[in-house]
C-alpha atoms as a PDB file:
ATOM      1  CA  MET A   1     171.410   5.816-194.504  1.00  0.00           C
ATOM      2  CA  PRO A   2     167.806   6.967-193.964  1.00  0.00           C
ATOM      3  CA  MET A   3     167.379  10.228-192.095  1.00  0.00           C
ATOM      4  CA  SER A   4     165.831  10.328-188.671  1.00  0.00           C
ATOM      5  CA  GLU A   5     162.216  11.224-188.141  1.00  0.00           C
ATOM      6  CA  PHE A   6     161.370  13.362-185.126  1.00  0.00           C
ATOM      7  CA  VAL A   7     158.114  12.806-183.239  1.00  0.00           C
ATOM      8  CA  THR A   8     156.741  14.959-180.416  1.00  0.00           C
ATOM      9  CA  ILE A   9     154.470  13.475-177.765  1.00  0.00           C
ATOM     10  CA  ALA A  10     152.714  15.664-175.206  1.00  0.00           C
ATOM     11  CA  GLY A  11     150.115  15.816-172.473  1.00  0.00           C
ATOM     12  CA  GLY A  12     149.393  17.416-169.111  1.00  0.00           C
ATOM     13  CA  GLY A  13     152.012  20.136-169.397  1.00  0.00           C
ATOM     14  CA  LEU A  14     154.917  17.922-170.504  1.00  0.00           C
ATOM     15  CA  SER A  15     156.259  17.164-173.980  1.00  0.00           C
ATOM     16  CA  ALA A  16     159.115  15.100-175.392  1.00  0.00           C
ATOM     17  CA  GLU A  17     160.693  15.090-178.840  1.00  0.00           C
ATOM     18  CA  ILE A  18     161.977  11.667-179.915  1.00  0.00           C
ATOM     19  CA  ALA A  19     164.252  10.808-182.839  1.00  0.00           C
ATOM     20  CA  THR A  20     163.827   7.483-184.603  1.00  0.00           C
ATOM     21  CA  ALA A  21     167.639   7.530-184.966  1.00  0.00           C
ATOM     22  CA  GLY A  22     168.843   5.854-181.812  1.00  0.00           C
ATOM     23  CA  ALA A  23     165.362   6.023-180.253  1.00  0.00           C
ATOM     24  CA  ALA A  24     166.768   9.178-178.696  1.00  0.00           C
ATOM     25  CA  VAL A  25     164.891  11.771-176.658  1.00  0.00           C
ATOM     26  CA  ARG A  26     166.145  15.051-178.104  1.00  0.00           C
ATOM     27  CA  ALA A  27     164.196  17.439-175.851  1.00  0.00           C
ATOM     28  CA  VAL A  28     161.816  17.486-172.883  1.00  0.00           C
ATOM     29  CA  HIS A  29     159.780  20.603-172.121  1.00  0.00           C
ATOM     30  CA  LEU A  30     157.707  21.517-169.094  1.00  0.00           C
ATOM     31  CA  ASP A  31     155.011  24.141-169.509  1.00  0.00           C
ATOM     32  CA  GLY A  32     156.104  27.520-168.179  1.00  0.00           C
ATOM     33  CA  PHE A  33     159.800  26.987-168.941  1.00  0.00           C
ATOM     34  CA  ALA A  34     161.468  27.857-172.229  1.00  0.00           C
ATOM     35  CA  HIS A  35     164.454  25.533-171.953  1.00  0.00           C
ATOM     36  CA  SER A  36     164.655  21.776-172.521  1.00  0.00           C
ATOM     37  CA  LEU A  37     165.225  19.760-169.363  1.00  0.00           C
ATOM     38  CA  VAL A  38     167.506  17.365-171.231  1.00  0.00           C
ATOM     39  CA  VAL A  39     170.492  18.253-173.366  1.00  0.00           C
ATOM     40  CA  GLY A  40     170.173  17.564-177.083  1.00  0.00           C
ATOM     41  CA  ALA A  41     171.964  18.458-180.300  1.00  0.00           C
ATOM     42  CA  ALA A  42     170.814  21.534-182.210  1.00  0.00           C
ATOM     43  CA  ASP A  43     171.583  19.871-185.562  1.00  0.00           C
ATOM     44  CA  PRO A  44     169.057  17.105-186.341  1.00  0.00           C
ATOM     45  CA  GLU A  45     171.648  15.362-188.524  1.00  0.00           C
ATOM     46  CA  HIS A  46     173.721  14.694-185.396  1.00  0.00           C
ATOM     47  CA  TYR A  47     171.352  11.823-184.573  1.00  0.00           C
ATOM     48  CA  THR A  48     171.540  10.178-187.991  1.00  0.00           C
ATOM     49  CA  ALA A  49     175.337  10.575-187.959  1.00  0.00           C
ATOM     50  CA  GLY A  50     175.703   8.301-184.925  1.00  0.00           C
ATOM     51  CA  ASN A  51     174.970  10.617-181.982  1.00  0.00           C
ATOM     52  CA  ARG A  52     178.409  10.961-180.478  1.00  0.00           C
ATOM     53  CA  GLU A  53     178.106  11.257-176.674  1.00  0.00           C
ATOM     54  CA  TYR A  54     174.806   9.276-176.827  1.00  0.00           C
ATOM     55  CA  LEU A  55     172.609  12.330-176.178  1.00  0.00           C
ATOM     56  CA  GLY A  56     169.255  10.992-174.965  1.00  0.00           C
ATOM     57  CA  ALA A  57     169.822   7.744-176.873  1.00  0.00           C
ATOM     58  CA  THR A  58     168.614   4.219-176.246  1.00  0.00           C
ATOM     59  CA  ILE A  59     171.693   2.157-175.396  1.00  0.00           C
ATOM     60  CA  GLY A  60     172.115  -1.532-176.224  1.00  0.00           C
ATOM     61  CA  ARG A  61     172.630  -4.381-176.663  1.00  0.00           C
ATOM     62  CA  PHE A  62     174.445  -3.895-173.352  1.00  0.00           C
ATOM     63  CA  ALA A  63     174.650  -0.517-171.630  1.00  0.00           C
ATOM     64  CA  ASN A  64     177.872   0.473-169.916  1.00  0.00           C
ATOM     65  CA  ARG A  65     181.089  -1.562-170.017  1.00  0.00           C
ATOM     66  CA  ILE A  66     182.066  -5.190-170.535  1.00  0.00           C
ATOM     67  CA  GLY A  67     185.642  -5.930-169.531  1.00  0.00           C
ATOM     68  CA  GLU A  68     187.938  -6.413-172.544  1.00  0.00           C
ATOM     69  CA  GLY A  69     184.800  -6.926-174.628  1.00  0.00           C
ATOM     70  CA  ARG A  70     184.689 -10.607-173.705  1.00  0.00           C
ATOM     71  CA  PHE A  71     182.177 -12.869-171.992  1.00  0.00           C
ATOM     72  CA  THR A  72     181.216 -16.534-171.895  1.00  0.00           C
ATOM     73  CA  ILE A  73     177.696 -17.963-171.720  1.00  0.00           C
ATOM     74  CA  ASP A  74     177.132 -21.703-171.315  1.00  0.00           C
ATOM     75  CA  GLY A  75     180.746 -22.362-172.288  1.00  0.00           C
ATOM     76  CA  ARG A  76     180.591 -20.289-175.487  1.00  0.00           C
ATOM     77  CA  GLY A  77     182.797 -17.226-175.666  1.00  0.00           C
ATOM     78  CA  SER A  78     182.084 -13.977-177.523  1.00  0.00           C
ATOM     79  CA  GLN A  79     184.443 -11.151-178.448  1.00  0.00           C
ATOM     80  CA  LEU A  80     183.028  -7.658-178.873  1.00  0.00           C
ATOM     81  CA  ALA A  81     184.573  -4.417-180.072  1.00  0.00           C
ATOM     82  CA  ARG A  82     186.848  -2.652-177.584  1.00  0.00           C
ATOM     83  CA  ASN A  83     185.489   0.775-178.430  1.00  0.00           C
ATOM     84  CA  ASP A  84     186.417   2.137-174.981  1.00  0.00           C
ATOM     85  CA  PRO A  85     189.883   0.536-174.799  1.00  0.00           C
ATOM     86  CA  PRO A  86     190.436  -1.937-173.362  1.00  0.00           C
ATOM     87  CA  ASN A  87     186.698  -2.412-172.788  1.00  0.00           C
ATOM     88  CA  HIS A  88     183.433  -2.609-174.716  1.00  0.00           C
ATOM     89  CA  LEU A  89     181.044   0.324-174.161  1.00  0.00           C
ATOM     90  CA  HIS A  90     177.325   0.875-174.820  1.00  0.00           C
ATOM     91  CA  GLY A  91     176.843  -1.910-177.362  1.00  0.00           C
ATOM     92  CA  GLY A  92     179.838  -1.049-179.535  1.00  0.00           C
ATOM     93  CA  PRO A  93     180.471   1.493-182.300  1.00  0.00           C
ATOM     94  CA  GLY A  94     177.345   0.325-184.134  1.00  0.00           C
ATOM     95  CA  GLY A  95     175.135  -0.093-181.068  1.00  0.00           C
ATOM     96  CA  PHE A  96     171.427   0.641-180.835  1.00  0.00           C
ATOM     97  CA  SER A  97     172.092   4.363-180.418  1.00  0.00           C
ATOM     98  CA  THR A  98     173.268   4.479-184.062  1.00  0.00           C
ATOM     99  CA  ARG A  99     170.307   2.653-185.647  1.00  0.00           C
ATOM    100  CA  ILE A 100     167.158   3.962-187.275  1.00  0.00           C
ATOM    101  CA  TRP A 101     164.267   2.462-185.328  1.00  0.00           C
ATOM    102  CA  THR A 102     160.892   1.675-186.918  1.00  0.00           C
ATOM    103  CA  ILE A 103     157.715   3.423-185.806  1.00  0.00           C
ATOM    104  CA  VAL A 104     155.202   0.787-184.697  1.00  0.00           C
ATOM    105  CA  GLU A 105     152.510   3.010-183.231  1.00  0.00           C
ATOM    106  CA  ARG A 106     152.108   6.685-182.510  1.00  0.00           C
ATOM    107  CA  ALA A 107     149.543   8.679-180.572  1.00  0.00           C
ATOM    108  CA  PRO A 108     149.447  12.272-179.303  1.00  0.00           C
ATOM    109  CA  ASP A 109     150.930  11.151-175.976  1.00  0.00           C
ATOM    110  CA  ALA A 110     152.885   7.975-176.856  1.00  0.00           C
ATOM    111  CA  LEU A 111     155.289   6.494-179.365  1.00  0.00           C
ATOM    112  CA  THR A 112     156.328   2.855-179.850  1.00  0.00           C
ATOM    113  CA  LEU A 113     159.457   1.958-181.831  1.00  0.00           C
ATOM    114  CA  SER A 114     161.022  -1.376-182.775  1.00  0.00           C
ATOM    115  CA  LEU A 115     164.415  -2.722-183.786  1.00  0.00           C
ATOM    116  CA  VAL A 116     165.804  -6.128-184.789  1.00  0.00           C
ATOM    117  CA  SER A 117     169.380  -6.881-183.762  1.00  0.00           C
ATOM    118  CA  ALA A 118     170.654  -9.807-185.843  1.00  0.00           C
ATOM    119  CA  ASP A 119     172.709 -12.762-184.628  1.00  0.00           C
ATOM    120  CA  GLY A 120     176.340 -11.633-184.515  1.00  0.00           C
ATOM    121  CA  ASP A 121     175.431  -7.944-184.332  1.00  0.00           C
ATOM    122  CA  GLU A 122     178.503  -6.207-182.865  1.00  0.00           C
ATOM    123  CA  GLY A 123     179.672  -9.684-181.837  1.00  0.00           C
ATOM    124  CA  TYR A 124     176.667 -10.562-179.674  1.00  0.00           C
ATOM    125  CA  PRO A 125     175.024 -13.983-180.064  1.00  0.00           C
ATOM    126  CA  GLY A 126     171.361 -14.409-181.012  1.00  0.00           C
ATOM    127  CA  THR A 127     168.754 -12.391-182.865  1.00  0.00           C
ATOM    128  CA  VAL A 128     167.035  -9.953-180.519  1.00  0.00           C
ATOM    129  CA  ASP A 129     163.693  -8.210-181.154  1.00  0.00           C
ATOM    130  CA  ILE A 130     163.266  -4.983-179.201  1.00  0.00           C
ATOM    131  CA  THR A 131     160.414  -2.549-178.651  1.00  0.00           C
ATOM    132  CA  ALA A 132     160.736   0.859-177.023  1.00  0.00           C
ATOM    133  CA  ARG A 133     157.732   2.800-175.760  1.00  0.00           C
ATOM    134  CA  PHE A 134     157.751   6.442-174.714  1.00  0.00           C
ATOM    135  CA  ALA A 135     154.590   7.812-173.107  1.00  0.00           C
ATOM    136  CA  ILE A 136     153.437  10.917-171.261  1.00  0.00           C
ATOM    137  CA  LEU A 137     151.607   9.941-168.080  1.00  0.00           C
ATOM    138  CA  PRO A 138     149.749  12.046-165.501  1.00  0.00           C
ATOM    139  CA  GLU A 139     151.674  14.262-163.075  1.00  0.00           C
ATOM    140  CA  GLN A 140     154.089  15.438-165.783  1.00  0.00           C
ATOM    141  CA  THR A 141     155.732  12.043-166.057  1.00  0.00           C
ATOM    142  CA  LEU A 142     157.666  10.590-168.987  1.00  0.00           C
ATOM    143  CA  SER A 143     157.531   6.797-169.059  1.00  0.00           C
ATOM    144  CA  VAL A 144     160.237   4.850-170.909  1.00  0.00           C
ATOM    145  CA  SER A 145     159.900   1.088-171.274  1.00  0.00           C
ATOM    146  CA  TYR A 146     161.714  -1.577-173.260  1.00  0.00           C
ATOM    147  CA  GLU A 147     160.965  -5.209-174.011  1.00  0.00           C
ATOM    148  CA  ALA A 148     163.138  -7.733-175.812  1.00  0.00           C
ATOM    149  CA  THR A 149     163.207 -11.407-176.759  1.00  0.00           C
ATOM    150  CA  SER A 150     166.044 -13.527-178.134  1.00  0.00           C
ATOM    151  CA  ASP A 151     166.484 -16.871-179.894  1.00  0.00           C
ATOM    152  CA  ARG A 152     169.815 -17.533-178.127  1.00  0.00           C
ATOM    153  CA  PRO A 153     171.211 -16.699-174.690  1.00  0.00           C
ATOM    154  CA  THR A 154     172.692 -13.198-174.860  1.00  0.00           C
ATOM    155  CA  PRO A 155     173.365 -10.219-172.607  1.00  0.00           C
ATOM    156  CA  VAL A 156     170.617  -7.578-172.803  1.00  0.00           C
ATOM    157  CA  ASN A 157     170.821  -4.446-170.675  1.00  0.00           C
ATOM    158  CA  LEU A 158     169.129  -1.342-172.069  1.00  0.00           C
ATOM    159  CA  THR A 159     168.984   2.220-170.821  1.00  0.00           C
ATOM    160  CA  THR A 160     168.117   5.741-171.920  1.00  0.00           C
ATOM    161  CA  HIS A 161     171.201   7.966-171.860  1.00  0.00           C
ATOM    162  CA  PHE A 162     169.536  11.194-170.720  1.00  0.00           C
ATOM    163  CA  TYR A 163     171.735  14.156-169.894  1.00  0.00           C
ATOM    164  CA  PHE A 164     169.770  16.400-167.530  1.00  0.00           C
ATOM    165  CA  ASN A 165     170.147  20.121-166.953  1.00  0.00           C
ATOM    166  CA  LEU A 166     167.049  21.378-165.168  1.00  0.00           C
ATOM    167  CA  ASP A 167     168.108  25.034-165.266  1.00  0.00           C
ATOM    168  CA  GLY A 168     169.076  25.393-168.917  1.00  0.00           C
ATOM    169  CA  SER A 169     172.433  26.675-167.654  1.00  0.00           C
ATOM    170  CA  ASP A 170     175.977  25.834-168.742  1.00  0.00           C
ATOM    171  CA  ASP A 171     176.898  24.056-165.493  1.00  0.00           C
ATOM    172  CA  ILE A 172     175.129  21.428-163.367  1.00  0.00           C
ATOM    173  CA  ARG A 173     177.447  21.476-160.363  1.00  0.00           C
ATOM    174  CA  GLY A 174     174.860  23.498-158.440  1.00  0.00           C
ATOM    175  CA  HIS A 175     172.137  20.862-158.951  1.00  0.00           C
ATOM    176  CA  ARG A 176     171.297  18.834-155.841  1.00  0.00           C
ATOM    177  CA  LEU A 177     171.297  15.050-156.272  1.00  0.00           C
ATOM    178  CA  THR A 178     169.747  12.497-153.922  1.00  0.00           C
ATOM    179  CA  LEU A 179     170.222   8.759-154.529  1.00  0.00           C
ATOM    180  CA  ALA A 180     168.368   5.778-153.038  1.00  0.00           C
ATOM    181  CA  ALA A 181     171.518   3.651-152.953  1.00  0.00           C
ATOM    182  CA  ASP A 182     173.531   2.422-149.989  1.00  0.00           C
ATOM    183  CA  ARG A 183     176.288   0.819-152.120  1.00  0.00           C
ATOM    184  CA  TYR A 184     178.298   1.666-155.211  1.00  0.00           C
ATOM    185  CA  LEU A 185     180.834  -0.016-157.495  1.00  0.00           C
ATOM    186  CA  PRO A 186     184.425   1.291-157.268  1.00  0.00           C
ATOM    187  CA  ILE A 187     186.127   1.523-160.676  1.00  0.00           C
ATOM    188  CA  ASP A 188     189.612   1.202-162.114  1.00  0.00           C
ATOM    189  CA  ALA A 189     191.447   3.697-164.327  1.00  0.00           C
ATOM    190  CA  ALA A 190     189.396   2.568-167.347  1.00  0.00           C
ATOM    191  CA  ALA A 191     186.077   3.102-165.489  1.00  0.00           C
ATOM    192  CA  LEU A 192     185.441  -0.655-165.238  1.00  0.00           C
ATOM    193  CA  PRO A 193     184.149  -1.972-161.890  1.00  0.00           C
ATOM    194  CA  THR A 194     186.909  -3.566-159.852  1.00  0.00           C
ATOM    195  CA  GLY A 195     184.523  -6.233-158.551  1.00  0.00           C
ATOM    196  CA  ALA A 196     184.164  -4.674-155.116  1.00  0.00           C
ATOM    197  CA  ILE A 197     180.732  -3.644-153.847  1.00  0.00           C
ATOM    198  CA  ALA A 198     181.348  -0.821-151.389  1.00  0.00           C
ATOM    199  CA  PRO A 199     179.067   0.956-148.901  1.00  0.00           C
ATOM    200  CA  VAL A 200     178.517   4.648-149.561  1.00  0.00           C
ATOM    201  CA  ALA A 201     178.239   5.491-145.858  1.00  0.00           C
ATOM    202  CA  GLY A 202     181.056   7.747-144.718  1.00  0.00           C
ATOM    203  CA  THR A 203     182.314   8.322-148.259  1.00  0.00           C
ATOM    204  CA  PRO A 204     181.906  11.134-150.826  1.00  0.00           C
ATOM    205  CA  PHE A 205     179.597   8.732-152.700  1.00  0.00           C
ATOM    206  CA  ASP A 206     176.884   9.041-150.056  1.00  0.00           C
ATOM    207  CA  PHE A 207     174.027  10.972-151.679  1.00  0.00           C
ATOM    208  CA  GLY A 208     171.393   9.572-149.341  1.00  0.00           C
ATOM    209  CA  ALA A 209     170.606  12.946-147.794  1.00  0.00           C
ATOM    210  CA  GLY A 210     171.315  14.890-150.983  1.00  0.00           C
ATOM    211  CA  ARG A 211     174.416  16.830-151.964  1.00  0.00           C
ATOM    212  CA  LEU A 212     175.489  19.191-154.721  1.00  0.00           C
ATOM    213  CA  VAL A 213     176.819  17.576-157.883  1.00  0.00           C
ATOM    214  CA  GLY A 214     179.833  19.851-157.513  1.00  0.00           C
ATOM    215  CA  GLU A 215     180.622  18.148-154.198  1.00  0.00           C
ATOM    216  CA  ALA A 216     180.792  14.719-155.840  1.00  0.00           C
ATOM    217  CA  PRO A 217     184.014  12.789-156.379  1.00  0.00           C
ATOM    218  CA  ASP A 218     186.013  13.597-159.497  1.00  0.00           C
ATOM    219  CA  PRO A 219     185.596  11.681-161.716  1.00  0.00           C
ATOM    220  CA  LEU A 220     181.969  10.685-161.159  1.00  0.00           C
ATOM    221  CA  ASP A 221     181.105   7.860-163.569  1.00  0.00           C
ATOM    222  CA  HIS A 222     179.932   5.113-161.255  1.00  0.00           C
ATOM    223  CA  ASN A 223     177.158   2.575-160.843  1.00  0.00           C
ATOM    224  CA  PHE A 224     175.096   3.092-157.711  1.00  0.00           C
ATOM    225  CA  CYS A 225     173.531  -0.140-156.464  1.00  0.00           C
ATOM    226  CA  LEU A 226     169.793   0.328-155.999  1.00  0.00           C
ATOM    227  CA  ALA A 227     169.078  -3.360-155.370  1.00  0.00           C
ATOM    228  CA  ASP A 228     170.270  -6.887-156.122  1.00  0.00           C
ATOM    229  CA  THR A 229     167.427  -7.713-158.523  1.00  0.00           C
ATOM    230  CA  THR A 230     164.972  -5.970-160.790  1.00  0.00           C
ATOM    231  CA  ALA A 231     161.706  -4.900-159.190  1.00  0.00           C
ATOM    232  CA  PRO A 232     158.172  -5.727-160.351  1.00  0.00           C
ATOM    233  CA  GLU A 233     157.288  -2.020-160.360  1.00  0.00           C
ATOM    234  CA  PRO A 234     159.383   1.158-160.545  1.00  0.00           C
ATOM    235  CA  ARG A 235     160.894   2.212-157.218  1.00  0.00           C
ATOM    236  CA  LEU A 236     162.554   5.485-156.253  1.00  0.00           C
ATOM    237  CA  ALA A 237     166.108   5.749-157.568  1.00  0.00           C
ATOM    238  CA  ALA A 238     167.060   9.426-157.627  1.00  0.00           C
ATOM    239  CA  ARG A 239     165.927  12.984-157.184  1.00  0.00           C
ATOM    240  CA  LEU A 240     167.592  15.898-158.957  1.00  0.00           C
ATOM    241  CA  GLN A 241     166.822  19.534-158.160  1.00  0.00           C
ATOM    242  CA  GLY A 242     167.783  22.516-160.283  1.00  0.00           C
ATOM    243  CA  GLU A 243     169.744  25.312-158.701  1.00  0.00           C
ATOM    244  CA  THR A 244     167.753  28.262-160.100  1.00  0.00           C
ATOM    245  CA  SER A 245     164.665  26.949-161.923  1.00  0.00           C
ATOM    246  CA  GLY A 246     162.996  25.226-158.994  1.00  0.00           C
ATOM    247  CA  ILE A 247     162.420  22.175-161.199  1.00  0.00           C
ATOM    248  CA  THR A 248     162.738  18.731-159.601  1.00  0.00           C
ATOM    249  CA  LEU A 249     163.163  15.404-161.396  1.00  0.00           C
ATOM    250  CA  THR A 250     162.096  12.261-159.553  1.00  0.00           C
ATOM    251  CA  LEU A 251     163.378   9.076-161.218  1.00  0.00           C
ATOM    252  CA  SER A 252     161.894   5.664-160.467  1.00  0.00           C
ATOM    253  CA  THR A 253     162.925   2.416-162.149  1.00  0.00           C
ATOM    254  CA  ILE A 254     162.721  -1.366-161.924  1.00  0.00           C
ATOM    255  CA  GLU A 255     166.459  -1.587-162.689  1.00  0.00           C
ATOM    256  CA  PRO A 256     168.971  -2.648-159.986  1.00  0.00           C
ATOM    257  CA  GLY A 257     171.562  -0.015-160.875  1.00  0.00           C
ATOM    258  CA  LEU A 258     171.909   3.649-161.751  1.00  0.00           C
ATOM    259  CA  GLN A 259     174.973   4.912-163.599  1.00  0.00           C
ATOM    260  CA  VAL A 260     175.714   8.517-162.658  1.00  0.00           C
ATOM    261  CA  TYR A 261     178.050  10.470-164.950  1.00  0.00           C
ATOM    262  CA  ASP A 262     178.909  14.121-164.432  1.00  0.00           C
ATOM    263  CA  GLY A 263     179.556  14.882-168.111  1.00  0.00           C
ATOM    264  CA  ALA A 264     183.200  15.781-167.480  1.00  0.00           C
ATOM    265  CA  LYS A 265     184.272  14.583-170.953  1.00  0.00           C
ATOM    266  CA  LEU A 266     181.735  16.689-172.847  1.00  0.00           C
ATOM    267  CA  ASP A 267     184.024  19.022-174.752  1.00  0.00           C
ATOM    268  CA  GLY A 268     181.852  21.726-176.300  1.00  0.00           C
ATOM    269  CA  SER A 269     182.232  20.381-179.845  1.00  0.00           C
ATOM    270  CA  ILE A 270     178.491  19.631-180.102  1.00  0.00           C
ATOM    271  CA  MET A 271     176.103  22.567-180.258  1.00  0.00           C
ATOM    272  CA  GLY A 272     173.090  22.142-178.028  1.00  0.00           C
ATOM    273  CA  HIS A 273     169.655  23.754-177.883  1.00  0.00           C
ATOM    274  CA  GLY A 274     169.811  27.446-178.606  1.00  0.00           C
ATOM    275  CA  GLY A 275     173.244  27.127-180.200  1.00  0.00           C
ATOM    276  CA  VAL A 276     174.985  26.761-176.821  1.00  0.00           C
ATOM    277  CA  PRO A 277     177.991  24.381-176.834  1.00  0.00           C
ATOM    278  CA  ILE A 278     177.565  21.248-174.712  1.00  0.00           C
ATOM    279  CA  GLY A 279     180.602  21.647-172.486  1.00  0.00           C
ATOM    280  CA  SER A 280     182.200  19.809-169.605  1.00  0.00           C
ATOM    281  CA  ARG A 281     179.811  19.270-166.691  1.00  0.00           C
ATOM    282  CA  SER A 282     176.997  21.055-168.480  1.00  0.00           C
ATOM    283  CA  ALA A 283     174.672  18.092-167.894  1.00  0.00           C
ATOM    284  CA  LEU A 284     174.295  15.079-165.625  1.00  0.00           C
ATOM    285  CA  ALA A 285     173.653  11.601-167.024  1.00  0.00           C
ATOM    286  CA  LEU A 286     171.378   9.361-164.943  1.00  0.00           C
ATOM    287  CA  GLU A 287     171.182   5.914-166.574  1.00  0.00           C
ATOM    288  CA  PRO A 288     168.997   3.227-164.939  1.00  0.00           C
ATOM    289  CA  GLN A 289     170.360  -0.170-165.949  1.00  0.00           C
ATOM    290  CA  GLY A 290     171.839  -3.470-164.837  1.00  0.00           C
ATOM    291  CA  TRP A 291     175.253  -3.430-163.214  1.00  0.00           C
ATOM    292  CA  PRO A 292     178.204  -2.983-165.603  1.00  0.00           C
ATOM    293  CA  ASP A 293     180.364  -5.981-166.589  1.00  0.00           C
ATOM    294  CA  SER A 294     177.790  -8.345-165.083  1.00  0.00           C
ATOM    295  CA  PRO A 295     178.411 -11.051-167.749  1.00  0.00           C
ATOM    296  CA  ASN A 296     181.877 -11.435-166.188  1.00  0.00           C
ATOM    297  CA  ARG A 297     180.797 -10.948-162.578  1.00  0.00           C
ATOM    298  CA  PRO A 298     178.582 -13.818-161.340  1.00  0.00           C
ATOM    299  CA  GLU A 299     178.218 -12.030-157.993  1.00  0.00           C
ATOM    300  CA  PHE A 300     176.463  -9.098-159.734  1.00  0.00           C
ATOM    301  CA  PRO A 301     172.764  -9.143-160.744  1.00  0.00           C
ATOM    302  CA  GLN A 302     172.694 -10.962-164.076  1.00  0.00           C
ATOM    303  CA  ALA A 303     171.372  -9.646-167.408  1.00  0.00           C
ATOM    304  CA  ILE A 304     171.347 -12.732-169.650  1.00  0.00           C
ATOM    305  CA  LEU A 305     168.223 -13.070-171.794  1.00  0.00           C
ATOM    306  CA  ARG A 306     167.346 -16.635-172.801  1.00  0.00           C
ATOM    307  CA  PRO A 307     164.893 -18.013-175.367  1.00  0.00           C
ATOM    308  CA  GLY A 308     161.350 -18.045-174.027  1.00  0.00           C
ATOM    309  CA  GLU A 309     162.029 -15.147-171.649  1.00  0.00           C
ATOM    310  CA  THR A 310     161.152 -11.460-172.047  1.00  0.00           C
ATOM    311  CA  TYR A 311     163.516  -8.727-170.979  1.00  0.00           C
ATOM    312  CA  SER A 312     161.737  -5.722-169.460  1.00  0.00           C
ATOM    313  CA  HIS A 313     162.866  -2.256-168.462  1.00  0.00           C
ATOM    314  CA  HIS A 314     160.575   0.440-167.081  1.00  0.00           C
ATOM    315  CA  SER A 315     161.610   3.862-165.827  1.00  0.00           C
ATOM    316  CA  LEU A 316     159.543   6.909-164.861  1.00  0.00           C
ATOM    317  CA  TYR A 317     160.783  10.509-165.009  1.00  0.00           C
ATOM    318  CA  ARG A 318     158.479  12.843-163.103  1.00  0.00           C
ATOM    319  CA  PHE A 319     159.060  16.585-163.374  1.00  0.00           C
ATOM    320  CA  SER A 320     157.674  19.205-161.041  1.00  0.00           C
ATOM    321  CA  GLY A 321     158.602  22.805-161.243  1.00  0.00           C
ATOM    322  CA  GLY A 322     158.674  26.277-160.158  1.00  0.00           C
END
């Protein structure tokens, strides 16, 4: 398998290092701070080897879970790998996070990558052509956008699996998280949505006024419902504030959902930046995306891409610090 290439884009006090393996963002640096604001593997070969834990990776063909790995579109059923038994997770064991993407265009402040996912790839119908663009914008903002087309109806739901730690510490429970969501999706024992859409008001899932990550429910691996449809332009989804660095991340997205995962299953077996093990709750995943299991939930916002349509995802990560 070809090795990953690593490309750094920079501008206006912000830089990001991107691996062509998995179209993964390995590091993000803000001028004046030595540590990366996202967790990444110290060993570059980790990305070529499949990037266990999806560190900074582009996730697809469908981010999050599909119940029992099955869905039906227009009367045609598909069976996917149950790589998170009994469910399908993050596009399967050979999902987009494991592929070497092709560089289409590079500039000092932007990088465009492409990938072709063939008909039958991981069990999904249709050939899908995808582009990913990473760009540094003014006000210390990292822009991530995806586009895709398909020759057959197929689920497409992409995200960037950032793990944030704004302090460069070994614990994110002191970070303060604010979410622009008034509903969330309760989950079963396998982390699959039950089908209920529940209000956050009066529950531990209410982050509307901000609360410490350490005050969140355990486990925290839930979709927060930002809206019922995608938006034409990115809208506020979340704000994350470091405990000691003074750095704030403001996340805006066109996506209707935000998966929030507290990193509880990170086990320290992967060495991160500076040779520090990536341990349990050492980083917080914020994943803008469509709602999980939507191919089996007609009441959820749908993520079926049909011929002649273009799938679009656009998220903005603005960092301010100190």
